C-alpha cells in the first residue's frame, strides 16, 4: 500500500459518518414524500383538510385528473405547493429524491 492509498483510505474512513448522516436525511425526506404521495388529503394549519385527489392544473396549463403528486406529461414537473381554499395559505410539499450521480 502506497502513501497515496493510505491517505485515500483515511479520508474515506473519516468521511463515512457524514455520508451515513446524509443518507439518513435523504431517506427521511424520501419517506415523507412517499407517505404524502399515497395520502388522499393533508391538513392545513387552519385545520381544514385539503384534498390531494381531484382536478389539477400544472403551471404549464396542462389539466389532469387524479392525485396532485403526478409528473406532468408535458413539462415533467411535480407540484411543489398546495393552497388551502378556505384561508388561502399555501403549504410546501416535500420534493422527491432524485439521484444525480451518473
PDB file of N, CA and C in Angstrom:
ATOM      1  N   UNK A   1       0.850  -1.164   0.000  1.00  0.00           N
ATOM      2  CA  UNK A   1       0.000   0.000   0.000  1.00  0.00           C
ATOM      3  C   UNK A   1       0.900   1.234   0.000  1.00  0.00           C
ATOM      4  N   UNK A   2       0.677   2.099  -0.947  1.00  0.00           N
ATOM      5  CA  UNK A   2       1.498   3.301  -1.036  1.00  0.00           C
ATOM      6  C   UNK A   2       0.933   4.386  -0.116  1.00  0.00           C
ATOM      7  N   UNK A   3       1.661   5.466  -0.015  1.00  0.00           N
ATOM      8  CA  UNK A   3       1.238   6.574   0.837  1.00  0.00           C
ATOM      9  C   UNK A   3      -0.052   7.215   0.349  1.00  0.00           C
ATOM     10  N   UNK A   4      -0.218   7.265  -0.976  1.00  0.00           N
ATOM     11  CA  UNK A   4      -1.428   7.851  -1.538  1.00  0.00           C
ATOM     12  C   UNK A   4      -2.653   7.005  -1.202  1.00  0.00           C
ATOM     13  N   UNK A   5      -2.506   5.687  -1.268  1.00  0.00           N
ATOM     14  CA  UNK A   5      -3.606   4.792  -0.921  1.00  0.00           C
ATOM     15  C   UNK A   5      -3.976   4.926   0.548  1.00  0.00           C
ATOM     16  N   UNK A   6      -2.987   5.094   1.408  1.00  0.00           N
ATOM     17  CA  UNK A   6      -3.258   5.246   2.842  1.00  0.00           C
ATOM     18  C   UNK A   6      -4.023   6.536   3.115  1.00  0.00           C
ATOM     19  N   UNK A   7      -3.657   7.598   2.430  1.00  0.00           N
ATOM     20  CA  UNK A   7      -4.355   8.872   2.605  1.00  0.00           C
ATOM     21  C   UNK A   7      -5.795   8.754   2.122  1.00  0.00           C
ATOM     22  N   UNK A   8      -6.013   8.096   0.998  1.00  0.00           N
ATOM     23  CA  UNK A   8      -7.362   7.907   0.493  1.00  0.00           C
ATOM     24  C   UNK A   8      -8.202   7.051   1.433  1.00  0.00           C
ATOM     25  N   UNK A   9      -7.596   6.029   2.020  1.00  0.00           N
ATOM     26  CA  UNK A   9      -8.309   5.173   2.952  1.00  0.00           C
ATOM     27  C   UNK A   9      -8.699   5.953   4.212  1.00  0.00           C
ATOM     28  N   UNK A  10      -7.778   6.732   4.750  1.00  0.00           N
ATOM     29  CA  UNK A  10      -8.067   7.517   5.956  1.00  0.00           C
ATOM     30  C   UNK A  10      -9.155   8.551   5.652  1.00  0.00           C
ATOM     31  N   UNK A  11      -9.079   9.162   4.485  1.00  0.00           N
ATOM     32  CA  UNK A  11     -10.099  10.137   4.094  1.00  0.00           C
ATOM     33  C   UNK A  11     -11.478   9.479   3.996  1.00  0.00           C
ATOM     34  N   UNK A  12     -11.535   8.292   3.414  1.00  0.00           N
ATOM     35  CA  UNK A  12     -12.804   7.582   3.284  1.00  0.00           C
ATOM     36  C   UNK A  12     -13.372   7.214   4.653  1.00  0.00           C
ATOM     37  N   UNK A  13     -12.512   6.780   5.561  1.00  0.00           N
ATOM     38  CA  UNK A  13     -12.965   6.412   6.903  1.00  0.00           C
ATOM     39  C   UNK A  13     -13.468   7.637   7.656  1.00  0.00           C
ATOM     40  N   UNK A  14     -12.797   8.773   7.519  1.00  0.00           N
ATOM     41  CA  UNK A  14     -13.218   9.985   8.208  1.00  0.00           C
ATOM     42  C   UNK A  14     -14.508  10.572   7.626  1.00  0.00           C
ATOM     43  N   UNK A  15     -14.741  10.374   6.341  1.00  0.00           N
ATOM     44  CA  UNK A  15     -15.952  10.893   5.699  1.00  0.00           C
ATOM     45  C   UNK A  15     -17.162   9.987   5.893  1.00  0.00           C
ATOM     46  N   UNK A  16     -16.945   8.750   6.305  1.00  0.00           N
ATOM     47  CA  UNK A  16     -18.032   7.784   6.407  1.00  0.00           C
ATOM     48  C   UNK A  16     -19.172   8.237   7.328  1.00  0.00           C
ATOM     49  N   UNK A  17     -18.924   8.752   8.531  1.00  0.00           N
ATOM     50  CA  UNK A  17     -20.059   9.184   9.369  1.00  0.00           C
ATOM     51  C   UNK A  17     -20.911  10.279   8.711  1.00  0.00           C
ATOM     52  N   UNK A  18     -20.278  11.192   7.998  1.00  0.00           N
ATOM     53  CA  UNK A  18     -21.023  12.260   7.340  1.00  0.00           C
ATOM     54  C   UNK A  18     -21.850  11.724   6.176  1.00  0.00           C
ATOM     55  N   UNK A  19     -21.324  10.756   5.471  1.00  0.00           N
ATOM     56  CA  UNK A  19     -22.078  10.144   4.377  1.00  0.00           C
ATOM     57  C   UNK A  19     -23.275   9.363   4.911  1.00  0.00           C
ATOM     58  N   UNK A  20     -23.102   8.705   6.056  1.00  0.00           N
ATOM     59  CA  UNK A  20     -24.216   7.971   6.661  1.00  0.00           C
ATOM     60  C   UNK A  20     -25.304   8.936   7.112  1.00  0.00           C
ATOM     61  N   UNK A  21     -24.933  10.048   7.738  1.00  0.00           N
ATOM     62  CA  UNK A  21     -25.911  11.049   8.159  1.00  0.00           C
ATOM     63  C   UNK A  21     -26.650  11.645   6.960  1.00  0.00           C
ATOM     64  N   UNK A  22     -25.922  11.925   5.904  1.00  0.00           N
ATOM     65  CA  UNK A  22     -26.544  12.465   4.694  1.00  0.00           C
ATOM     66  C   UNK A  22     -27.523  11.463   4.096  1.00  0.00           C
ATOM     67  N   UNK A  23     -27.152  10.204   4.077  1.00  0.00           N
ATOM     68  CA  UNK A  23     -28.032   9.169   3.536  1.00  0.00           C
ATOM     69  C   UNK A  23     -29.290   9.010   4.384  1.00  0.00           C
ATOM     70  N   UNK A  24     -29.150   9.105   5.686  1.00  0.00           N
ATOM     71  CA  UNK A  24     -30.315   9.008   6.580  1.00  0.00           C
ATOM     72  C   UNK A  24     -31.262  10.186   6.370  1.00  0.00           C
ATOM     73  N   UNK A  25     -30.728  11.377   6.184  1.00  0.00           N
ATOM     74  CA  UNK A  25     -31.567  12.556   5.938  1.00  0.00           C
ATOM     75  C   UNK A  25     -32.302  12.429   4.608  1.00  0.00           C
ATOM     76  N   UNK A  26     -31.610  11.947   3.568  1.00  0.00           N
ATOM     77  CA  UNK A  26     -32.268  11.750   2.274  1.00  0.00           C
ATOM     78  C   UNK A  26     -33.354  10.687   2.361  1.00  0.00           C
ATOM     79  N   UNK A  27     -33.105   9.623   3.122  1.00  0.00           N
ATOM     80  CA  UNK A  27     -34.100   8.564   3.298  1.00  0.00           C
ATOM     81  C   UNK A  27     -35.327   9.106   4.017  1.00  0.00           C
ATOM     82  N   UNK A  28     -35.120   9.936   5.043  1.00  0.00           N
ATOM     83  CA  UNK A  28     -36.240  10.524   5.766  1.00  0.00           C
ATOM     84  C   UNK A  28     -37.079  11.406   4.838  1.00  0.00           C
ATOM     85  N   UNK A  29     -36.428  12.210   4.002  1.00  0.00           N
ATOM     86  CA  UNK A  29     -37.155  13.062   3.060  1.00  0.00           C
ATOM     87  C   UNK A  29     -37.907  12.232   2.020  1.00  0.00           C
ATOM     88  N   UNK A  30     -37.301  11.159   1.564  1.00  0.00           N
ATOM     89  CA  UNK A  30     -37.943  10.305   0.571  1.00  0.00           C
ATOM     90  C   UNK A  30     -39.167   9.606   1.172  1.00  0.00           C
ATOM     91  N   UNK A  31     -39.070   9.153   2.404  1.00  0.00           N
ATOM     92  CA  UNK A  31     -40.203   8.510   3.071  1.00  0.00           C
ATOM     93  C   UNK A  31     -41.337   9.512   3.261  1.00  0.00           C
ATOM     94  N   UNK A  32     -41.006  10.766   3.608  1.00  0.00           N
ATOM     95  CA  UNK A  32     -42.039  11.798   3.760  1.00  0.00           C
ATOM     96  C   UNK A  32     -42.756  12.041   2.437  1.00  0.00           C
ATOM     97  N   UNK A  33     -42.007  12.059   1.341  1.00  0.00           N
ATOM     98  CA  UNK A  33     -42.635  12.246   0.035  1.00  0.00           C
ATOM     99  C   UNK A  33     -43.528  11.055  -0.317  1.00  0.00           C
ATOM    100  N   UNK A  34     -43.054   9.843  -0.095  1.00  0.00           N
ATOM    101  CA  UNK A  34     -43.851   8.657  -0.431  1.00  0.00           C
ATOM    102  C   UNK A  34     -45.108   8.581   0.424  1.00  0.00           C
ATOM    103  N   UNK A  35     -45.012   8.976   1.679  1.00  0.00           N
ATOM    104  CA  UNK A  35     -46.186   8.978   2.552  1.00  0.00           C
ATOM    105  C   UNK A  35     -47.227   9.972   2.032  1.00  0.00           C
ATOM    106  N   UNK A  36     -46.770  11.136   1.615  1.00  0.00           N
ATOM    107  CA  UNK A  36     -47.689  12.136   1.077  1.00  0.00           C
ATOM    108  C   UNK A  36     -48.248  11.710  -0.277  1.00  0.00           C
ATOM    109  N   UNK A  37     -47.449  11.015  -1.064  1.00  0.00           N
ATOM    110  CA  UNK A  37     -47.886  10.579  -2.389  1.00  0.00           C
ATOM    111  C   UNK A  37     -48.984   9.522  -2.314  1.00  0.00           C
ATOM    112  N   UNK A  38     -49.143   8.870  -1.166  1.00  0.00           N
ATOM    113  CA  UNK A  38     -50.201   7.880  -1.016  1.00  0.00           C
ATOM    114  C   UNK A  38     -51.365   8.403  -0.195  1.00  0.00           C
ATOM    115  N   UNK A  39     -51.260   9.619   0.345  1.00  0.00           N
ATOM    116  CA  UNK A  39     -52.333  10.190   1.158  1.00  0.00           C
ATOM    117  C   UNK A  39     -53.401  10.802   0.266  1.00  0.00           C
ATOM    118  N   UNK A  40     -54.630  10.746   0.724  1.00  0.00           N
ATOM    119  CA  UNK A  40     -55.724  11.341  -0.027  1.00  0.00           C
ATOM    120  C   UNK A  40     -55.945  12.798   0.355  1.00  0.00           C
ATOM    121  N   UNK A  41     -55.444  13.206   1.528  1.00  0.00           N
ATOM    122  CA  UNK A  41     -55.601  14.592   1.965  1.00  0.00           C
ATOM    123  C   UNK A  41     -54.549  14.937   3.003  1.00  0.00           C
ATOM    124  N   UNK A  42     -54.305  16.231   3.122  1.00  0.00           N
ATOM    125  CA  UNK A  42     -53.455  16.750   4.190  1.00  0.00           C
ATOM    126  C   UNK A  42     -54.249  17.832   4.893  1.00  0.00           C
ATOM    127  N   UNK A  43     -53.783  18.251   6.055  1.00  0.00           N
ATOM    128  CA  UNK A  43     -54.482  19.266   6.809  1.00  0.00           C
ATOM    129  C   UNK A  43     -53.711  20.574   6.781  1.00  0.00           C
ATOM    130  N   UNK A  44     -54.437  21.652   6.561  1.00  0.00           N
ATOM    131  CA  UNK A  44     -53.872  22.991   6.571  1.00  0.00           C
ATOM    132  C   UNK A  44     -53.632  23.404   8.028  1.00  0.00           C
ATOM    133  N   UNK A  45     -52.895  24.465   8.231  1.00  0.00           N
ATOM    134  CA  UNK A  45     -52.664  24.957   9.581  1.00  0.00           C
ATOM    135  C   UNK A  45     -53.947  25.477  10.226  1.00  0.00           C
ATOM    136  N   UNK A  46     -54.942  25.835   9.397  1.00  0.00           N
ATOM    137  CA  UNK A  46     -56.220  26.281   9.955  1.00  0.00           C
ATOM    138  C   UNK A  46     -57.101  25.105  10.361  1.00  0.00           C
ATOM    139  N   UNK A  47     -56.676  23.869  10.074  1.00  0.00           N
ATOM    140  CA  UNK A  47     -57.404  22.672  10.481  1.00  0.00           C
ATOM    141  C   UNK A  47     -58.315  22.091   9.419  1.00  0.00           C
ATOM    142  N   UNK A  48     -58.450  22.729   8.289  1.00  0.00           N
ATOM    143  CA  UNK A  48     -59.313  22.261   7.209  1.00  0.00           C
ATOM    144  C   UNK A  48     -58.544  21.247   6.358  1.00  0.00           C
ATOM    145  N   UNK A  49     -59.153  20.091   6.030  1.00  0.00           N
ATOM    146  CA  UNK A  49     -58.452  19.136   5.162  1.00  0.00           C
ATOM    147  C   UNK A  49     -58.375  19.642   3.726  1.00  0.00           C
ATOM    148  N   UNK A  50     -57.225  19.415   3.099  1.00  0.00           N
ATOM    149  CA  UNK A  50     -57.012  19.759   1.694  1.00  0.00           C
ATOM    150  C   UNK A  50     -56.930  18.449   0.920  1.00  0.00           C
ATOM    151  N   UNK A  51     -57.839  18.253  -0.003  1.00  0.00           N
ATOM    152  CA  UNK A  51     -57.854  17.026  -0.798  1.00  0.00           C
ATOM    153  C   UNK A  51     -56.713  17.049  -1.801  1.00  0.00           C
ATOM    154  N   UNK A  52     -56.006  15.927  -1.911  1.00  0.00           N
ATOM    155  CA  UNK A  52     -54.924  15.804  -2.881  1.00  0.00           C
ATOM    156  C   UNK A  52     -55.369  15.056  -4.129  1.00  0.00           C
ATOM    157  N   UNK A  53     -56.621  14.619  -4.144  1.00  0.00           N
ATOM    158  CA  UNK A  53     -57.175  13.905  -5.290  1.00  0.00           C
ATOM    159  C   UNK A  53     -58.263  14.780  -5.899  1.00  0.00           C
ATOM    160  N   UNK A  54     -58.153  15.041  -7.177  1.00  0.00           N
ATOM    161  CA  UNK A  54     -59.151  15.882  -7.830  1.00  0.00           C
ATOM    162  C   UNK A  54     -58.701  16.302  -9.205  1.00  0.00           C
ATOM    163  N   UNK A  55     -59.136  17.473  -9.630  1.00  0.00           N
ATOM    164  CA  UNK A  55     -58.788  18.038 -10.924  1.00  0.00           C
ATOM    165  C   UNK A  55     -57.741  19.117 -10.687  1.00  0.00           C
ATOM    166  N   UNK A  56     -56.568  18.987 -11.343  1.00  0.00           N
ATOM    167  CA  UNK A  56     -55.443  19.880 -11.096  1.00  0.00           C
ATOM    168  C   UNK A  56     -54.948  20.476 -12.391  1.00  0.00           C
ATOM    169  N   UNK A  57     -54.363  21.674 -12.291  1.00  0.00           N
ATOM    170  CA  UNK A  57     -53.761  22.325 -13.447  1.00  0.00           C
ATOM    171  C   UNK A  57     -52.301  22.609 -13.140  1.00  0.00           C
ATOM    172  N   UNK A  58     -51.428  22.154 -14.018  1.00  0.00           N
ATOM    173  CA  UNK A  58     -49.990  22.371 -13.875  1.00  0.00           C
ATOM    174  C   UNK A  58     -49.669  23.817 -14.242  1.00  0.00           C
ATOM    175  N   UNK A  59     -48.481  24.278 -13.877  1.00  0.00           N
ATOM    176  CA  UNK A  59     -48.070  25.642 -14.222  1.00  0.00           C
ATOM    177  C   UNK A  59     -47.885  25.817 -15.726  1.00  0.00           C
ATOM    178  N   UNK A  60     -47.763  24.719 -16.460  1.00  0.00           N
ATOM    179  CA  UNK A  60     -47.671  24.799 -17.927  1.00  0.00           C
ATOM    180  C   UNK A  60     -49.047  24.771 -18.583  1.00  0.00           C
ATOM    181  N   UNK A  61     -50.109  24.857 -17.790  1.00  0.00           N
ATOM    182  CA  UNK A  61     -51.531  24.895 -18.174  1.00  0.00           C
ATOM    183  C   UNK A  61     -52.108  23.540 -18.572  1.00  0.00           C
ATOM    184  N   UNK A  62     -51.394  22.444 -18.355  1.00  0.00           N
ATOM    185  CA  UNK A  62     -51.949  21.117 -18.597  1.00  0.00           C
ATOM    186  C   UNK A  62     -52.863  20.766 -17.430  1.00  0.00           C
ATOM    187  N   UNK A  63     -54.077  20.309 -17.722  1.00  0.00           N
ATOM    188  CA  UNK A  63     -55.044  19.936 -16.695  1.00  0.00           C
ATOM    189  C   UNK A  63     -55.161  18.421 -16.658  1.00  0.00           C
ATOM    190  N   UNK A  64     -55.142  17.866 -15.446  1.00  0.00           N
ATOM    191  CA  UNK A  64     -55.247  16.420 -15.307  1.00  0.00           C
ATOM    192  C   UNK A  64     -56.112  16.075 -14.104  1.00  0.00           C
ATOM    193  N   UNK A  65     -56.611  14.855 -14.091  1.00  0.00           N
ATOM    194  CA  UNK A  65     -57.451  14.355 -13.010  1.00  0.00           C
ATOM    195  C   UNK A  65     -56.694  13.251 -12.287  1.00  0.00           C
ATOM    196  N   UNK A  66     -56.737  13.282 -10.959  1.00  0.00           N
ATOM    197  CA  UNK A  66     -56.082  12.255 -10.166  1.00  0.00           C
ATOM    198  C   UNK A  66     -55.392  12.853  -8.955  1.00  0.00           C
ATOM    199  N   UNK A  67     -54.330  12.215  -8.525  1.00  0.00           N
ATOM    200  CA  UNK A  67     -53.571  12.679  -7.362  1.00  0.00           C
ATOM    201  C   UNK A  67     -52.700  13.868  -7.751  1.00  0.00           C
ATOM    202  N   UNK A  68     -52.534  14.786  -6.815  1.00  0.00           N
ATOM    203  CA  UNK A  68     -51.759  16.006  -7.075  1.00  0.00           C
ATOM    204  C   UNK A  68     -50.313  15.696  -7.427  1.00  0.00           C
ATOM    205  N   UNK A  69     -49.708  14.714  -6.766  1.00  0.00           N
ATOM    206  CA  UNK A  69     -48.284  14.437  -6.951  1.00  0.00           C
ATOM    207  C   UNK A  69     -48.041  13.477  -8.109  1.00  0.00           C
ATOM    208  N   UNK A  70     -48.374  13.933  -9.298  1.00  0.00           N
ATOM    209  CA  UNK A  70     -48.088  13.195 -10.522  1.00  0.00           C
ATOM    210  C   UNK A  70     -47.139  14.018 -11.368  1.00  0.00           C
ATOM    211  N   UNK A  71     -46.323  13.346 -12.136  1.00  0.00           N
ATOM    212  CA  UNK A  71     -45.418  14.038 -13.053  1.00  0.00           C
ATOM    213  C   UNK A  71     -46.239  14.520 -14.247  1.00  0.00           C
ATOM    214  N   UNK A  72     -46.090  15.794 -14.568  1.00  0.00           N
ATOM    215  CA  UNK A  72     -46.803  16.363 -15.717  1.00  0.00           C
ATOM    216  C   UNK A  72     -46.229  15.766 -17.000  1.00  0.00           C
ATOM    217  N   UNK A  73     -47.083  15.245 -17.896  1.00  0.00           N
ATOM    218  CA  UNK A  73     -46.562  14.646 -19.129  1.00  0.00           C
ATOM    219  C   UNK A  73     -46.005  15.676 -20.116  1.00  0.00           C
ATOM    220  N   UNK A  74     -46.372  16.955 -19.974  1.00  0.00           N
ATOM    221  CA  UNK A  74     -45.865  17.973 -20.892  1.00  0.00           C
ATOM    222  C   UNK A  74     -44.532  18.551 -20.452  1.00  0.00           C
ATOM    223  N   UNK A  75     -44.443  18.982 -19.190  1.00  0.00           N
ATOM    224  CA  UNK A  75     -43.220  19.659 -18.741  1.00  0.00           C
ATOM    225  C   UNK A  75     -42.360  18.795 -17.820  1.00  0.00           C
ATOM    226  N   UNK A  76     -42.901  17.687 -17.287  1.00  0.00           N
ATOM    227  CA  UNK A  76     -42.120  16.783 -16.450  1.00  0.00           C
ATOM    228  C   UNK A  76     -41.927  17.251 -15.021  1.00  0.00           C
ATOM    229  N   UNK A  77     -42.694  18.247 -14.570  1.00  0.00           N
ATOM    230  CA  UNK A  77     -42.553  18.754 -13.211  1.00  0.00           C
ATOM    231  C   UNK A  77     -43.588  18.130 -12.282  1.00  0.00           C
ATOM    232  N   UNK A  78     -43.278  18.190 -10.978  1.00  0.00           N
ATOM    233  CA  UNK A  78     -44.189  17.757  -9.931  1.00  0.00           C
ATOM    234  C   UNK A  78     -44.554  18.992  -9.121  1.00  0.00           C
ATOM    235  N   UNK A  79     -45.824  19.164  -8.717  1.00  0.00           N
ATOM    236  CA  UNK A  79     -46.201  20.339  -7.934  1.00  0.00           C
ATOM    237  C   UNK A  79     -45.405  20.430  -6.640  1.00  0.00           C
ATOM    238  N   UNK A  80     -45.104  21.659  -6.229  1.00  0.00           N
ATOM    239  CA  UNK A  80     -44.319  21.877  -5.013  1.00  0.00           C
ATOM    240  C   UNK A  80     -45.129  22.487  -3.891  1.00  0.00           C
ATOM    241  N   UNK A  81     -46.289  23.078  -4.211  1.00  0.00           N
ATOM    242  CA  UNK A  81     -47.118  23.680  -3.177  1.00  0.00           C
ATOM    243  C   UNK A  81     -48.573  23.303  -3.413  1.00  0.00           C
ATOM    244  N   UNK A  82     -49.366  23.408  -2.361  1.00  0.00           N
ATOM    245  CA  UNK A  82     -50.809  23.226  -2.450  1.00  0.00           C
ATOM    246  C   UNK A  82     -51.445  24.351  -1.648  1.00  0.00           C
ATOM    247  N   UNK A  83     -52.561  24.864  -2.136  1.00  0.00           N
ATOM    248  CA  UNK A  83     -53.215  26.003  -1.496  1.00  0.00           C
ATOM    249  C   UNK A  83     -54.509  25.574  -0.820  1.00  0.00           C
ATOM    250  N   UNK A  84     -54.720  26.097   0.384  1.00  0.00           N
ATOM    251  CA  UNK A  84     -55.978  25.905   1.101  1.00  0.00           C
ATOM    252  C   UNK A  84     -56.958  26.942   0.565  1.00  0.00           C
ATOM    253  N   UNK A  85     -58.114  26.501   0.086  1.00  0.00           N
ATOM    254  CA  UNK A  85     -59.081  27.432  -0.495  1.00  0.00           C
ATOM    255  C   UNK A  85     -59.929  28.118   0.576  1.00  0.00           C
ATOM    256  N   UNK A  86     -59.810  27.700   1.832  1.00  0.00           N
ATOM    257  CA  UNK A  86     -60.545  28.353   2.909  1.00  0.00           C
ATOM    258  C   UNK A  86     -59.800  29.584   3.406  1.00  0.00           C
ATOM    259  N   UNK A  87     -58.522  29.410   3.773  1.00  0.00           N
ATOM    260  CA  UNK A  87     -57.757  30.531   4.329  1.00  0.00           C
ATOM    261  C   UNK A  87     -56.759  31.125   3.339  1.00  0.00           C
ATOM    262  N   UNK A  88     -56.498  30.453   2.220  1.00  0.00           N
ATOM    263  CA  UNK A  88     -55.580  30.964   1.211  1.00  0.00           C
ATOM    264  C   UNK A  88     -54.118  30.676   1.477  1.00  0.00           C
ATOM    265  N   UNK A  89     -53.808  29.952   2.536  1.00  0.00           N
ATOM    266  CA  UNK A  89     -52.426  29.636   2.897  1.00  0.00           C
ATOM    267  C   UNK A  89     -51.881  28.551   1.978  1.00  0.00           C
ATOM    268  N   UNK A  90     -50.639  28.722   1.512  1.00  0.00           N
ATOM    269  CA  UNK A  90     -50.004  27.697   0.692  1.00  0.00           C
ATOM    270  C   UNK A  90     -49.088  26.852   1.564  1.00  0.00           C
ATOM    271  N   UNK A  91     -49.072  25.569   1.304  1.00  0.00           N
ATOM    272  CA  UNK A  91     -48.246  24.619   2.051  1.00  0.00           C
ATOM    273  C   UNK A  91     -47.229  24.016   1.099  1.00  0.00           C
ATOM    274  N   UNK A  92     -45.964  24.040   1.493  1.00  0.00           N
ATOM    275  CA  UNK A  92     -44.903  23.449   0.677  1.00  0.00           C
ATOM    276  C   UNK A  92     -44.941  21.936   0.810  1.00  0.00           C
ATOM    277  N   UNK A  93     -44.908  21.257  -0.301  1.00  0.00           N
ATOM    278  CA  UNK A  93     -44.912  19.801  -0.326  1.00  0.00           C
ATOM    279  C   UNK A  93     -43.482  19.281  -0.355  1.00  0.00           C
ATOM    280  N   UNK A  94     -43.235  18.108   0.226  1.00  0.00           N
ATOM    281  CA  UNK A  94     -41.883  17.549   0.129  1.00  0.00           C
ATOM    282  C   UNK A  94     -41.565  17.177  -1.305  1.00  0.00           C
ATOM    283  N   UNK A  95     -40.294  17.306  -1.658  1.00  0.00           N
ATOM    284  CA  UNK A  95     -39.864  17.012  -3.015  1.00  0.00           C
ATOM    285  C   UNK A  95     -39.325  15.583  -3.100  1.00  0.00           C
ATOM    286  N   UNK A  96     -39.530  14.917  -4.237  1.00  0.00           N
ATOM    287  CA  UNK A  96     -38.997  13.559  -4.389  1.00  0.00           C
ATOM    288  C   UNK A  96     -37.485  13.573  -4.466  1.00  0.00           C
ATOM    289  N   UNK A  97     -36.898  12.456  -4.129  1.00  0.00           N
ATOM    290  CA  UNK A  97     -35.444  12.319  -4.183  1.00  0.00           C
ATOM    291  C   UNK A  97     -35.042  11.838  -5.571  1.00  0.00           C
ATOM    292  N   UNK A  98     -34.170  12.588  -6.207  1.00  0.00           N
ATOM    293  CA  UNK A  98     -33.603  12.178  -7.489  1.00  0.00           C
ATOM    294  C   UNK A  98     -32.112  11.966  -7.290  1.00  0.00           C
ATOM    295  N   UNK A  99     -31.618  10.854  -7.762  1.00  0.00           N
ATOM    296  CA  UNK A  99     -30.186  10.572  -7.663  1.00  0.00           C
ATOM    297  C   UNK A  99     -29.492  11.257  -8.830  1.00  0.00           C
ATOM    298  N   UNK A 100     -28.623  12.228  -8.526  1.00  0.00           N
ATOM    299  CA  UNK A 100     -27.942  12.966  -9.581  1.00  0.00           C
ATOM    300  C   UNK A 100     -26.605  12.350  -9.982  1.00  0.00           C
ATOM    301  N   UNK A 101     -26.263  11.178  -9.455  1.00  0.00           N
ATOM    302  CA  UNK A 101     -25.000  10.559  -9.829  1.00  0.00           C
ATOM    303  C   UNK A 101     -25.136   9.912 -11.194  1.00  0.00           C
ATOM    304  N   UNK A 102     -24.137  10.084 -12.009  1.00  0.00           N
ATOM    305  CA  UNK A 102     -24.146   9.495 -13.360  1.00  0.00           C
ATOM    306  C   UNK A 102     -23.066   8.459 -13.491  1.00  0.00           C
TER     307      UNK A 102
END
